[in-house]
Amino acid sequence: MRKLSCSRFILFACLLLVGFEQPAGAHEKDLRKRTDAAGLTEISVCARPSPNAFGFPGHAFIAFSYQAAGGSRSFRAIGHTVAPTTGLAAAVFTYFSGGSVAGQQEEERYTHLKQACLTLKVDREIYQRALDAARPTLSALGIPDAVAASVERYSLNGHDCMDFISNVAQPLKTAGLSTPERAATDTPIAYIRKLIDANP
């Protein structure tokens, strides 16, 4: 019997603890009512699995993509998360206390191997309404976006990355997106998988 090297043993143990998940495939749905000669607008609702054994906290975010006819693609992914100065313990405590901690909206890296995404082709006006919904809440009060994005509040019981997804998804519901109810115990990746299943 072959002996496992130390590094392979550690990798094997981590996979057992975390739960080995197959990389998610691409899931797409076309919600367009018409074609647009000016280009293609897409919105992707994504989550990546949590790195710990309990599937907590994980993360979900929204990606906006526009490709002009015959041109290059512009891409921006945005998520709502805790501020860098907020400790993990304080963020986790918000789930039980009902309180909140410093949060922020930030650019996301769209690179995780096991990412699960539902990509939606949408009409330009739906795309714009969703993009507007993704702006920091405080922007509506006249605070500049860059400042507003860095002073958002965050709470695991109602103002987290999945709440952000839900707010941005509101305009998409009018285009035909089905949005399942979020259970209190849903992790981001579990909810995104429910969203994928609800929109075959």
N, C-alpha and C. Protein backbone atom coordinates (compact mmCIF):
# COMPACT_ATOMS: atom_id res chain seq x y z
N MET A 1 0.85 -1.19 0.00
CA MET A 1 0.00 0.00 0.00
C MET A 1 0.89 1.25 0.00
N ARG A 2 0.53 2.21 -0.85
CA ARG A 2 1.34 3.43 -0.95
C ARG A 2 1.10 4.32 0.25
N LYS A 3 2.18 4.92 0.73
CA LYS A 3 2.05 5.87 1.83
C LYS A 3 1.73 7.24 1.26
N LEU A 4 0.86 7.94 1.98
CA LEU A 4 0.56 9.31 1.58
C LEU A 4 1.65 10.23 2.10
N SER A 5 2.10 11.15 1.25
CA SER A 5 3.05 12.14 1.73
C SER A 5 2.31 13.06 2.70
N CYS A 6 3.04 13.82 3.48
CA CYS A 6 2.44 14.71 4.46
C CYS A 6 1.50 15.70 3.78
N SER A 7 1.94 16.33 2.68
CA SER A 7 1.11 17.33 2.01
C SER A 7 -0.14 16.69 1.40
N ARG A 8 0.00 15.48 0.86
CA ARG A 8 -1.17 14.81 0.30
C ARG A 8 -2.14 14.40 1.39
N PHE A 9 -1.60 13.99 2.54
CA PHE A 9 -2.47 13.62 3.66
C PHE A 9 -3.27 14.83 4.14
N ILE A 10 -2.59 15.97 4.24
CA ILE A 10 -3.27 17.20 4.67
C ILE A 10 -4.36 17.58 3.67
N LEU A 11 -4.06 17.49 2.38
CA LEU A 11 -5.06 17.79 1.35
C LEU A 11 -6.24 16.85 1.47
N PHE A 12 -5.97 15.56 1.64
CA PHE A 12 -7.02 14.56 1.77
C PHE A 12 -7.89 14.86 2.99
N ALA A 13 -7.25 15.20 4.11
CA ALA A 13 -8.00 15.51 5.33
C ALA A 13 -8.87 16.74 5.15
N CYS A 14 -8.34 17.75 4.47
CA CYS A 14 -9.12 18.97 4.22
C CYS A 14 -10.34 18.68 3.36
N LEU A 15 -10.17 17.85 2.34
CA LEU A 15 -11.29 17.50 1.49
C LEU A 15 -12.37 16.77 2.28
N LEU A 16 -11.97 15.93 3.22
CA LEU A 16 -12.95 15.24 4.05
C LEU A 16 -13.69 16.21 4.95
N LEU A 17 -12.96 17.17 5.52
CA LEU A 17 -13.58 18.14 6.42
C LEU A 17 -14.51 19.09 5.69
N VAL A 18 -14.03 19.60 4.56
CA VAL A 18 -14.80 20.58 3.83
C VAL A 18 -15.93 19.93 3.06
N GLY A 19 -15.72 18.72 2.60
CA GLY A 19 -16.73 18.09 1.76
C GLY A 19 -16.35 18.33 0.31
N PHE A 20 -15.97 17.30 -0.39
CA PHE A 20 -15.51 17.47 -1.76
C PHE A 20 -16.69 17.78 -2.66
N GLU A 21 -16.62 18.88 -3.38
CA GLU A 21 -17.69 19.27 -4.29
C GLU A 21 -17.14 19.34 -5.70
N GLN A 22 -17.91 18.84 -6.62
CA GLN A 22 -17.52 18.92 -8.02
C GLN A 22 -17.67 20.36 -8.50
N PRO A 23 -16.81 20.83 -9.39
CA PRO A 23 -16.96 22.16 -9.92
C PRO A 23 -18.33 22.33 -10.56
N ALA A 24 -18.93 23.48 -10.33
CA ALA A 24 -20.26 23.73 -10.87
C ALA A 24 -20.19 24.00 -12.37
N GLY A 25 -21.16 23.49 -13.09
CA GLY A 25 -21.23 23.76 -14.52
C GLY A 25 -21.88 25.10 -14.78
N ALA A 26 -21.87 25.53 -16.02
CA ALA A 26 -22.50 26.79 -16.39
C ALA A 26 -24.00 26.59 -16.51
N HIS A 27 -24.75 27.50 -15.94
CA HIS A 27 -26.21 27.48 -16.03
C HIS A 27 -26.64 28.81 -16.63
N GLU A 28 -27.43 28.76 -17.67
CA GLU A 28 -27.85 29.99 -18.35
C GLU A 28 -29.36 29.98 -18.56
N LYS A 29 -29.94 31.19 -18.56
CA LYS A 29 -31.35 31.35 -18.87
C LYS A 29 -31.50 32.65 -19.66
N ASP A 30 -32.29 32.59 -20.71
CA ASP A 30 -32.52 33.77 -21.55
C ASP A 30 -33.84 34.41 -21.15
N LEU A 31 -33.78 35.60 -20.56
CA LEU A 31 -34.97 36.32 -20.13
C LEU A 31 -35.31 37.47 -21.07
N ARG A 32 -34.62 37.53 -22.21
CA ARG A 32 -34.85 38.64 -23.14
C ARG A 32 -36.21 38.52 -23.82
N LYS A 33 -36.82 39.67 -24.03
CA LYS A 33 -38.07 39.74 -24.79
C LYS A 33 -37.79 40.08 -26.26
N ARG A 34 -36.57 40.57 -26.51
CA ARG A 34 -36.20 40.93 -27.88
C ARG A 34 -34.67 40.91 -27.98
N THR A 35 -34.18 40.90 -29.21
CA THR A 35 -32.73 40.99 -29.41
C THR A 35 -32.35 42.46 -29.50
N ASP A 36 -31.13 42.73 -29.17
CA ASP A 36 -30.63 44.10 -29.17
C ASP A 36 -29.45 44.18 -30.11
N ALA A 37 -29.59 44.94 -31.19
CA ALA A 37 -28.52 45.05 -32.17
C ALA A 37 -27.29 45.76 -31.60
N ALA A 38 -27.49 46.50 -30.50
CA ALA A 38 -26.38 47.26 -29.93
C ALA A 38 -25.42 46.38 -29.13
N GLY A 39 -25.88 45.20 -28.70
CA GLY A 39 -24.99 44.34 -27.93
C GLY A 39 -25.73 43.38 -27.02
N LEU A 40 -24.98 42.70 -26.17
CA LEU A 40 -25.50 41.67 -25.29
C LEU A 40 -25.29 42.07 -23.83
N THR A 41 -26.35 42.02 -23.03
CA THR A 41 -26.27 42.33 -21.61
C THR A 41 -26.61 41.07 -20.80
N GLU A 42 -25.72 40.73 -19.86
CA GLU A 42 -25.89 39.53 -19.04
C GLU A 42 -25.65 39.86 -17.57
N ILE A 43 -26.39 39.17 -16.71
CA ILE A 43 -26.20 39.28 -15.27
C ILE A 43 -26.00 37.87 -14.73
N SER A 44 -24.95 37.67 -13.95
CA SER A 44 -24.70 36.36 -13.34
C SER A 44 -24.84 36.46 -11.84
N VAL A 45 -25.61 35.54 -11.27
CA VAL A 45 -25.78 35.46 -9.83
C VAL A 45 -24.91 34.28 -9.39
N CYS A 46 -23.93 34.53 -8.55
CA CYS A 46 -22.90 33.53 -8.25
C CYS A 46 -22.67 33.35 -6.76
N ALA A 47 -22.16 32.17 -6.40
CA ALA A 47 -21.71 31.91 -5.03
C ALA A 47 -20.51 31.00 -5.10
N ARG A 48 -19.67 31.11 -4.09
CA ARG A 48 -18.56 30.18 -3.96
C ARG A 48 -18.71 29.47 -2.62
N PRO A 49 -18.28 28.23 -2.55
CA PRO A 49 -18.46 27.48 -1.30
C PRO A 49 -17.60 28.02 -0.18
N SER A 50 -18.05 27.75 1.01
CA SER A 50 -17.30 28.17 2.18
C SER A 50 -16.04 27.32 2.34
N PRO A 51 -14.99 27.88 2.89
CA PRO A 51 -13.78 27.10 3.10
C PRO A 51 -13.78 26.26 4.37
N ASN A 52 -14.84 26.34 5.19
CA ASN A 52 -14.77 25.57 6.43
C ASN A 52 -15.71 24.36 6.44
N ALA A 53 -15.62 23.55 7.47
CA ALA A 53 -16.32 22.28 7.53
C ALA A 53 -17.83 22.43 7.66
N PHE A 54 -18.29 23.58 8.09
CA PHE A 54 -19.71 23.73 8.35
C PHE A 54 -20.43 24.49 7.22
N GLY A 55 -19.71 24.83 6.15
CA GLY A 55 -20.34 25.57 5.05
C GLY A 55 -20.74 26.97 5.46
N PHE A 56 -19.96 27.61 6.31
CA PHE A 56 -20.34 28.91 6.85
C PHE A 56 -19.12 29.79 6.94
N PRO A 57 -19.07 30.99 6.44
CA PRO A 57 -20.19 31.74 5.94
C PRO A 57 -20.39 31.68 4.42
N GLY A 58 -19.35 31.33 3.62
CA GLY A 58 -19.53 31.34 2.17
C GLY A 58 -19.71 32.76 1.64
N HIS A 59 -20.06 32.90 0.38
CA HIS A 59 -20.24 34.24 -0.18
C HIS A 59 -21.00 34.17 -1.51
N ALA A 60 -21.83 35.17 -1.75
CA ALA A 60 -22.57 35.29 -3.01
C ALA A 60 -22.36 36.70 -3.57
N PHE A 61 -22.43 36.83 -4.87
CA PHE A 61 -22.25 38.14 -5.50
C PHE A 61 -22.91 38.16 -6.87
N ILE A 62 -22.95 39.35 -7.49
CA ILE A 62 -23.58 39.55 -8.79
C ILE A 62 -22.53 40.06 -9.77
N ALA A 63 -22.56 39.53 -10.99
CA ALA A 63 -21.64 39.99 -12.04
C ALA A 63 -22.44 40.59 -13.18
N PHE A 64 -22.01 41.74 -13.66
CA PHE A 64 -22.65 42.43 -14.77
C PHE A 64 -21.71 42.39 -15.97
N SER A 65 -22.25 42.00 -17.12
CA SER A 65 -21.44 41.88 -18.32
C SER A 65 -22.15 42.52 -19.51
N TYR A 66 -21.42 43.37 -20.22
CA TYR A 66 -21.98 44.00 -21.43
C TYR A 66 -20.98 43.86 -22.56
N GLN A 67 -21.47 43.39 -23.68
CA GLN A 67 -20.63 43.28 -24.87
C GLN A 67 -21.29 44.00 -26.02
N ALA A 68 -20.65 45.08 -26.47
CA ALA A 68 -21.16 45.82 -27.62
C ALA A 68 -21.02 44.97 -28.87
N ALA A 69 -21.93 45.15 -29.81
CA ALA A 69 -21.88 44.39 -31.06
C ALA A 69 -20.52 44.58 -31.72
N GLY A 70 -19.80 43.49 -31.93
CA GLY A 70 -18.49 43.55 -32.56
C GLY A 70 -17.40 44.14 -31.70
N GLY A 71 -17.71 44.38 -30.41
CA GLY A 71 -16.72 45.02 -29.55
C GLY A 71 -16.28 44.11 -28.42
N SER A 72 -15.52 44.68 -27.52
CA SER A 72 -15.01 43.91 -26.38
C SER A 72 -16.06 43.87 -25.27
N ARG A 73 -15.84 42.97 -24.34
CA ARG A 73 -16.78 42.79 -23.23
C ARG A 73 -16.30 43.58 -22.01
N SER A 74 -17.24 44.27 -21.36
CA SER A 74 -16.94 44.90 -20.08
C SER A 74 -17.58 44.05 -19.00
N PHE A 75 -16.89 43.91 -17.87
CA PHE A 75 -17.33 42.99 -16.84
C PHE A 75 -17.07 43.59 -15.47
N ARG A 76 -18.05 43.47 -14.58
CA ARG A 76 -17.88 43.96 -13.21
C ARG A 76 -18.66 43.05 -12.27
N ALA A 77 -18.02 42.56 -11.24
CA ALA A 77 -18.67 41.72 -10.23
C ALA A 77 -18.65 42.47 -8.90
N ILE A 78 -19.81 42.47 -8.22
CA ILE A 78 -19.98 43.25 -7.00
C ILE A 78 -20.60 42.38 -5.91
N GLY A 79 -20.12 42.52 -4.70
CA GLY A 79 -20.70 41.80 -3.58
C GLY A 79 -20.78 42.66 -2.35
N HIS A 80 -21.57 42.20 -1.38
CA HIS A 80 -21.70 42.89 -0.10
C HIS A 80 -21.08 42.00 0.96
N THR A 81 -20.13 42.54 1.71
CA THR A 81 -19.40 41.73 2.69
C THR A 81 -19.00 42.58 3.88
N VAL A 82 -18.29 41.96 4.82
CA VAL A 82 -17.83 42.71 5.99
C VAL A 82 -16.64 43.58 5.61
N ALA A 83 -16.48 44.66 6.35
CA ALA A 83 -15.33 45.55 6.13
C ALA A 83 -14.06 44.85 6.61
N PRO A 84 -12.90 45.22 6.04
CA PRO A 84 -11.64 44.59 6.44
C PRO A 84 -11.33 44.72 7.93
N THR A 85 -11.86 45.74 8.57
CA THR A 85 -11.60 45.95 10.00
C THR A 85 -12.51 45.13 10.90
N THR A 86 -13.48 44.43 10.31
CA THR A 86 -14.42 43.63 11.10
C THR A 86 -13.90 42.21 11.27
N GLY A 87 -13.80 41.76 12.48
CA GLY A 87 -13.33 40.40 12.74
C GLY A 87 -14.42 39.37 12.42
N LEU A 88 -13.99 38.15 12.11
CA LEU A 88 -14.92 37.08 11.77
C LEU A 88 -15.88 36.79 12.92
N ALA A 89 -15.37 36.77 14.14
CA ALA A 89 -16.23 36.47 15.31
C ALA A 89 -17.34 37.50 15.44
N ALA A 90 -17.02 38.76 15.25
CA ALA A 90 -18.03 39.82 15.35
C ALA A 90 -19.09 39.67 14.27
N ALA A 91 -18.67 39.30 13.05
CA ALA A 91 -19.62 39.10 11.95
C ALA A 91 -20.54 37.92 12.24
N VAL A 92 -19.98 36.82 12.74
CA VAL A 92 -20.77 35.63 13.06
C VAL A 92 -21.77 35.94 14.17
N PHE A 93 -21.37 36.75 15.15
CA PHE A 93 -22.24 37.08 16.28
C PHE A 93 -23.50 37.82 15.84
N THR A 94 -23.45 38.54 14.72
CA THR A 94 -24.63 39.27 14.25
C THR A 94 -25.79 38.33 13.94
N TYR A 95 -25.48 37.07 13.61
CA TYR A 95 -26.53 36.09 13.29
C TYR A 95 -27.39 35.83 14.53
N PHE A 96 -26.78 35.87 15.70
CA PHE A 96 -27.49 35.55 16.93
C PHE A 96 -27.98 36.78 17.69
N SER A 97 -27.27 37.90 17.51
CA SER A 97 -27.59 39.09 18.31
C SER A 97 -28.60 40.01 17.65
N GLY A 98 -28.73 39.91 16.34
CA GLY A 98 -29.61 40.84 15.63
C GLY A 98 -28.95 42.18 15.36
N GLY A 99 -27.68 42.33 15.78
CA GLY A 99 -26.97 43.58 15.55
C GLY A 99 -26.30 43.59 14.19
N SER A 100 -25.45 44.57 13.94
CA SER A 100 -24.73 44.66 12.67
C SER A 100 -23.32 45.14 12.93
N VAL A 101 -22.48 44.96 11.92
CA VAL A 101 -21.09 45.40 11.98
C VAL A 101 -20.80 46.21 10.72
N ALA A 102 -19.62 46.79 10.66
CA ALA A 102 -19.23 47.54 9.47
C ALA A 102 -19.15 46.60 8.27
N GLY A 103 -19.73 47.02 7.17
CA GLY A 103 -19.70 46.23 5.95
C GLY A 103 -19.28 47.09 4.79
N GLN A 104 -19.25 46.51 3.62
CA GLN A 104 -18.92 47.28 2.42
C GLN A 104 -19.34 46.52 1.18
N GLN A 105 -19.55 47.27 0.12
CA GLN A 105 -19.69 46.67 -1.20
C GLN A 105 -18.33 46.74 -1.86
N GLU A 106 -17.97 45.67 -2.57
CA GLU A 106 -16.65 45.66 -3.18
C GLU A 106 -16.64 44.87 -4.47
N GLU A 107 -15.61 45.11 -5.26
CA GLU A 107 -15.40 44.33 -6.48
C GLU A 107 -15.06 42.91 -6.09
N GLU A 108 -15.57 41.95 -6.86
CA GLU A 108 -15.34 40.54 -6.57
C GLU A 108 -14.40 39.92 -7.59
N ARG A 109 -13.65 38.93 -7.16
CA ARG A 109 -12.83 38.13 -8.09
C ARG A 109 -13.69 36.97 -8.57
N TYR A 110 -13.70 36.80 -9.86
CA TYR A 110 -14.56 35.80 -10.50
C TYR A 110 -13.69 34.63 -10.93
N THR A 111 -13.07 33.93 -9.94
CA THR A 111 -12.06 32.96 -10.33
C THR A 111 -12.17 31.61 -9.65
N HIS A 112 -13.10 31.45 -8.72
CA HIS A 112 -13.12 30.23 -7.92
C HIS A 112 -13.53 29.01 -8.73
N LEU A 113 -12.77 27.93 -8.61
CA LEU A 113 -13.00 26.72 -9.39
C LEU A 113 -14.39 26.14 -9.17
N LYS A 114 -14.88 26.20 -7.94
CA LYS A 114 -16.16 25.56 -7.62
C LYS A 114 -17.32 26.56 -7.61
N GLN A 115 -17.16 27.70 -8.20
CA GLN A 115 -18.19 28.70 -8.22
C GLN A 115 -19.45 28.16 -8.88
N ALA A 116 -20.59 28.50 -8.33
CA ALA A 116 -21.88 28.15 -8.93
C ALA A 116 -22.52 29.46 -9.40
N CYS A 117 -22.91 29.52 -10.67
CA CYS A 117 -23.49 30.74 -11.22
C CYS A 117 -24.71 30.44 -12.08
N LEU A 118 -25.66 31.35 -12.03
CA LEU A 118 -26.76 31.36 -12.96
C LEU A 118 -26.59 32.62 -13.79
N THR A 119 -26.34 32.46 -15.10
CA THR A 119 -26.13 33.60 -15.98
C THR A 119 -27.42 33.87 -16.75
N LEU A 120 -27.86 35.12 -16.70
CA LEU A 120 -29.13 35.53 -17.29
C LEU A 120 -28.89 36.53 -18.41
N LYS A 121 -29.38 36.20 -19.60
CA LYS A 121 -29.38 37.16 -20.69
C LYS A 121 -30.63 38.03 -20.49
N VAL A 122 -30.43 39.34 -20.45
CA VAL A 122 -31.55 40.24 -20.14
C VAL A 122 -31.57 41.42 -21.12
N ASP A 123 -32.75 42.04 -21.24
CA ASP A 123 -32.88 43.25 -22.04
C ASP A 123 -32.15 44.39 -21.35
N ARG A 124 -31.74 45.37 -22.14
CA ARG A 124 -30.91 46.45 -21.62
C ARG A 124 -31.56 47.20 -20.46
N GLU A 125 -32.87 47.47 -20.51
CA GLU A 125 -33.50 48.24 -19.43
C GLU A 125 -33.55 47.45 -18.12
N ILE A 126 -33.70 46.13 -18.21
CA ILE A 126 -33.66 45.28 -17.01
C ILE A 126 -32.25 45.28 -16.43
N TYR A 127 -31.27 45.19 -17.31
CA TYR A 127 -29.86 45.23 -16.91
C TYR A 127 -29.57 46.52 -16.15
N GLN A 128 -30.04 47.65 -16.67
CA GLN A 128 -29.78 48.94 -16.04
C GLN A 128 -30.47 49.05 -14.69
N ARG A 129 -31.71 48.54 -14.60
CA ARG A 129 -32.43 48.59 -13.32
C ARG A 129 -31.73 47.73 -12.26
N ALA A 130 -31.21 46.58 -12.66
CA ALA A 130 -30.48 45.73 -11.71
C ALA A 130 -29.17 46.39 -11.30
N LEU A 131 -28.50 47.01 -12.25
CA LEU A 131 -27.24 47.72 -11.95
C LEU A 131 -27.49 48.86 -10.98
N ASP A 132 -28.60 49.59 -11.18
CA ASP A 132 -28.96 50.66 -10.25
C ASP A 132 -29.25 50.10 -8.85
N ALA A 133 -29.92 48.93 -8.80
CA ALA A 133 -30.25 48.31 -7.51
C ALA A 133 -28.99 47.85 -6.78
N ALA A 134 -27.91 47.61 -7.51
CA ALA A 134 -26.65 47.16 -6.91
C ALA A 134 -25.83 48.32 -6.33
N ARG A 135 -26.23 49.55 -6.61
CA ARG A 135 -25.50 50.69 -6.07
C ARG A 135 -25.63 50.72 -4.56
N PRO A 136 -24.65 51.21 -3.85
CA PRO A 136 -24.75 51.29 -2.39
C PRO A 136 -26.02 52.02 -1.96
N THR A 137 -26.68 51.50 -0.95
CA THR A 137 -27.94 52.07 -0.47
C THR A 137 -27.79 53.54 -0.12
N LEU A 138 -26.67 53.90 0.48
CA LEU A 138 -26.48 55.29 0.93
C LEU A 138 -26.31 56.26 -0.24
N SER A 139 -26.08 55.74 -1.45
CA SER A 139 -25.95 56.62 -2.62
C SER A 139 -27.23 57.40 -2.86
N ALA A 140 -28.35 56.80 -2.49
CA ALA A 140 -29.63 57.48 -2.69
C ALA A 140 -29.74 58.74 -1.83
N LEU A 141 -28.94 58.82 -0.81
CA LEU A 141 -28.94 60.00 0.06
C LEU A 141 -27.95 61.06 -0.42
N GLY A 142 -27.33 60.82 -1.58
CA GLY A 142 -26.40 61.79 -2.12
C GLY A 142 -24.95 61.58 -1.72
N ILE A 143 -24.68 60.50 -0.98
CA ILE A 143 -23.30 60.20 -0.59
C ILE A 143 -22.60 59.57 -1.80
N PRO A 144 -21.39 60.01 -2.15
CA PRO A 144 -20.69 59.43 -3.31
C PRO A 144 -20.56 57.92 -3.19
N ASP A 145 -20.67 57.23 -4.32
CA ASP A 145 -20.64 55.76 -4.35
C ASP A 145 -19.44 55.18 -3.61
N ALA A 146 -18.25 55.75 -3.85
CA ALA A 146 -17.03 55.20 -3.25
C ALA A 146 -17.08 55.27 -1.73
N VAL A 147 -17.64 56.35 -1.19
CA VAL A 147 -17.77 56.50 0.26
C VAL A 147 -18.88 55.60 0.77
N ALA A 148 -20.03 55.61 0.08
CA ALA A 148 -21.18 54.82 0.52
C ALA A 148 -20.85 53.33 0.56
N ALA A 149 -20.09 52.85 -0.42
CA ALA A 149 -19.77 51.43 -0.49
C ALA A 149 -18.91 50.99 0.69
N SER A 150 -18.18 51.93 1.29
CA SER A 150 -17.27 51.56 2.37
C SER A 150 -17.88 51.75 3.76
N VAL A 151 -19.10 52.25 3.85
CA VAL A 151 -19.73 52.44 5.17
C VAL A 151 -21.06 51.71 5.29
N GLU A 152 -21.30 50.75 4.43
CA GLU A 152 -22.50 49.92 4.54
C GLU A 152 -22.46 49.11 5.82
N ARG A 153 -23.61 48.75 6.34
CA ARG A 153 -23.69 47.87 7.50
C ARG A 153 -23.85 46.43 7.01
N TYR A 154 -23.47 45.48 7.85
CA TYR A 154 -23.53 44.06 7.49
C TYR A 154 -24.08 43.26 8.66
N SER A 155 -25.00 42.34 8.37
CA SER A 155 -25.55 41.47 9.39
C SER A 155 -25.93 40.15 8.75
N LEU A 156 -25.58 39.03 9.37
CA LEU A 156 -25.89 37.72 8.81
C LEU A 156 -27.37 37.37 8.91
N ASN A 157 -28.14 38.15 9.65
CA ASN A 157 -29.55 37.82 9.77
C ASN A 157 -30.46 38.73 8.94
N GLY A 158 -29.90 39.37 7.94
CA GLY A 158 -30.80 40.15 7.10
C GLY A 158 -30.17 41.24 6.26
N HIS A 159 -28.89 41.48 6.39
CA HIS A 159 -28.26 42.49 5.53
C HIS A 159 -26.88 41.98 5.13
N ASP A 160 -26.89 40.84 4.44
CA ASP A 160 -25.65 40.18 4.06
C ASP A 160 -25.58 40.01 2.55
N CYS A 161 -24.70 39.14 2.08
CA CYS A 161 -24.52 38.98 0.63
C CYS A 161 -25.78 38.43 -0.04
N MET A 162 -26.54 37.57 0.64
CA MET A 162 -27.76 37.02 0.04
C MET A 162 -28.88 38.06 0.00
N ASP A 163 -28.91 38.94 1.00
CA ASP A 163 -29.87 40.05 0.98
C ASP A 163 -29.55 40.98 -0.19
N PHE A 164 -28.27 41.21 -0.41
CA PHE A 164 -27.83 42.01 -1.56
C PHE A 164 -28.30 41.38 -2.87
N ILE A 165 -28.12 40.05 -3.00
CA ILE A 165 -28.58 39.33 -4.19
C ILE A 165 -30.08 39.52 -4.38
N SER A 166 -30.83 39.38 -3.30
CA SER A 166 -32.29 39.51 -3.35
C SER A 166 -32.72 40.89 -3.82
N ASN A 167 -32.06 41.93 -3.32
CA ASN A 167 -32.40 43.30 -3.73
C ASN A 167 -32.12 43.52 -5.21
N VAL A 168 -30.98 43.04 -5.68
CA VAL A 168 -30.62 43.23 -7.09
C VAL A 168 -31.51 42.39 -8.00
N ALA A 169 -32.02 41.27 -7.48
CA ALA A 169 -32.86 40.37 -8.28
C ALA A 169 -34.27 40.90 -8.49
N GLN A 170 -34.70 41.89 -7.73
CA GLN A 170 -36.07 42.37 -7.84
C GLN A 170 -36.44 42.78 -9.28
N PRO A 171 -35.63 43.57 -9.98
CA PRO A 171 -35.99 43.91 -11.36
C PRO A 171 -36.00 42.68 -12.29
N LEU A 172 -35.22 41.65 -11.94
CA LEU A 172 -35.15 40.45 -12.77
C LEU A 172 -36.41 39.61 -12.65
N LYS A 173 -37.13 39.74 -11.55
CA LYS A 173 -38.38 39.00 -11.37
C LYS A 173 -39.41 39.44 -12.40
N THR A 174 -39.41 40.73 -12.73
CA THR A 174 -40.37 41.23 -13.72
C THR A 174 -40.06 40.69 -15.11
N ALA A 175 -38.82 40.23 -15.31
CA ALA A 175 -38.43 39.66 -16.61
C ALA A 175 -38.64 38.15 -16.64
N GLY A 176 -39.03 37.55 -15.50
CA GLY A 176 -39.32 36.12 -15.49
C GLY A 176 -38.43 35.28 -14.60
N LEU A 177 -37.55 35.90 -13.80
CA LEU A 177 -36.71 35.14 -12.90
C LEU A 177 -37.53 34.63 -11.72
N SER A 178 -37.42 33.34 -11.43
CA SER A 178 -38.08 32.77 -10.25
C SER A 178 -37.09 32.83 -9.09
N THR A 179 -37.52 33.40 -7.96
CA THR A 179 -36.63 33.53 -6.81
C THR A 179 -37.21 32.74 -5.64
N PRO A 180 -36.57 31.63 -5.27
CA PRO A 180 -37.07 30.83 -4.15
C PRO A 180 -36.89 31.56 -2.83
N GLU A 181 -37.68 31.16 -1.83
CA GLU A 181 -37.55 31.73 -0.49
C GLU A 181 -36.20 31.33 0.10
N ARG A 182 -35.63 32.24 0.83
CA ARG A 182 -34.36 31.96 1.53
C ARG A 182 -34.67 31.38 2.90
N ALA A 183 -34.17 30.19 3.16
CA ALA A 183 -34.33 29.58 4.48
C ALA A 183 -33.30 30.17 5.43
N ALA A 184 -33.62 30.17 6.71
CA ALA A 184 -32.73 30.75 7.72
C ALA A 184 -31.37 30.06 7.75
N THR A 185 -31.34 28.79 7.35
CA THR A 185 -30.08 28.04 7.40
C THR A 185 -29.37 27.95 6.05
N ASP A 186 -29.90 28.61 5.01
CA ASP A 186 -29.27 28.55 3.69
C ASP A 186 -27.90 29.21 3.72
N THR A 187 -26.88 28.50 3.23
CA THR A 187 -25.59 29.13 2.97
C THR A 187 -25.70 29.78 1.59
N PRO A 188 -24.81 30.69 1.25
CA PRO A 188 -24.89 31.32 -0.08
C PRO A 188 -24.91 30.31 -1.22
N ILE A 189 -24.04 29.29 -1.18
CA ILE A 189 -24.01 28.36 -2.30
C ILE A 189 -25.27 27.50 -2.35
N ALA A 190 -25.83 27.17 -1.18
CA ALA A 190 -27.08 26.41 -1.15
C ALA A 190 -28.21 27.23 -1.76
N TYR A 191 -28.24 28.54 -1.46
CA TYR A 191 -29.31 29.38 -2.02
C TYR A 191 -29.15 29.54 -3.52
N ILE A 192 -27.92 29.75 -3.99
CA ILE A 192 -27.72 29.91 -5.43
C ILE A 192 -28.09 28.64 -6.17
N ARG A 193 -27.82 27.48 -5.58
CA ARG A 193 -28.23 26.23 -6.20
C ARG A 193 -29.75 26.11 -6.25
N LYS A 194 -30.45 26.60 -5.23
CA LYS A 194 -31.91 26.63 -5.26
C LYS A 194 -32.39 27.56 -6.38
N LEU A 195 -31.70 28.67 -6.54
CA LEU A 195 -32.05 29.63 -7.60
C LEU A 195 -31.83 28.99 -8.97
N ILE A 196 -30.74 28.27 -9.13
CA ILE A 196 -30.47 27.56 -10.41
C ILE A 196 -31.55 26.53 -10.68
N ASP A 197 -31.93 25.75 -9.67
CA ASP A 197 -32.96 24.73 -9.83
C ASP A 197 -34.32 25.34 -10.18
N ALA A 198 -34.59 26.54 -9.65
CA ALA A 198 -35.87 27.21 -9.90
C ALA A 198 -35.94 27.84 -11.27
N ASN A 199 -34.81 27.91 -11.96
CA ASN A 199 -34.75 28.57 -13.28
C ASN A 199 -34.03 27.67 -14.29
N PRO A 200 -34.68 26.54 -14.65
CA PRO A 200 -34.03 25.61 -15.59
C PRO A 200 -33.90 26.19 -16.98
